[in-house]
Amino acid sequence: MSDYIVSSVTIAGIYALMALGLNLQAGYAGLLNFGHIAFAGLGAYATGIVMQAGGPAWLGAGTGVLLAMALGWCIARLGRQLGSDYWGIATLAIAEILRTIATNEGWLTGGANGIAAIPSLFEDWPRPWNAVGFMAVVLLLVAAAAWACRRLGNGRFGRALRLMREEPRLAACMGYDLVALKSRAVMSGAALTAIAGSLYAHYMSFAGPDYMLAAETFLLWTMVMIGGLGNTAGVLVGVAVVQAAHTLVPFAKDHFQFSSDTAGAMRIGLIGLILLACLLWRSEGLLPEKVRRMA
């Protein structure tokens, strides 16, 4: 029971890092990035490849962050004249292209089988302290990332992103470089998400193309929308609600003797119902963004 709780909290913390990275783009800057999970995939694969070559964990994570930031810079400058919806579709296409490359380039990524036997950060520690130590590292990173995102959002950069989101022409007239703002928002979110992908690779001891499925991006969008776009605390609440739904369904399965297929469908249905209820009655999320208004 305790191992299951530790595992659930650890996974929730990793997804919280990814969701906070998405919130920097979608919440603050209003960017419809539907390929966000590609940054996590780069972090996971970079960690797997570096660890296979005998490199240290910090080098794998750092490589993943650099690759994700480079991809974010390219994505931000992709089609400067594209509307937000078309830009979102383009990001989805890029993520699918990267997943296809990862599936087919077996010499580098292991192909469809992925990269296995990635060592954990605390594999030399005895059980259950290795899992507890990993969970503690993840929670510390989530706390640090949430603090940084909150400071960023309340600072000059965050106000500039919100102005670009609400009134892009006014932001341009005030002298803001919209492409530079967009690039910095995407690159910041990419770096945070790549760290989460690296942690996920260490935790699962595996990196594979399934990490970059479009469904993972939409799961992150669900967490952010349930919690509240543009609100750091709301994002964490959204992650907790979705992870709670994932965690409670197995208990219902054991109690009511559901099949595994039914339990999987119940998870998706329950999360869908929560999202639908929020869209109908709390369209701005459980903890809406507080935007200061001019008197």
Foldseek 3Di string as FASTA:
>chain_A
DVVLVLVLLLLLLLLLLLLLLVLLQCQQQVAQALQSLLLLLLLLLLQLQCVVVVHDLVRSLVRSLVVLLVVLLVLLPPPPPDDRVVSNVVNNVVLVVVLCCLQPPCVRQVHQQGRAQRAAPPNVDDPPVSSVVLSVVSVVLSVVSLVVSVCCCPDPLSVLSNCCRPPVVVSVVVPDDSSVSSSVSSSSSSSSSSSSSSSVCNVRRGRHSVSRDSVSSVLSVLLPQQQFRNHSVSSSVSSVVLSVLVSCLVVVCVVVVDDPVVSVVSSVVVSVVSSVVCCVPVRRHPDYDDDDDDD
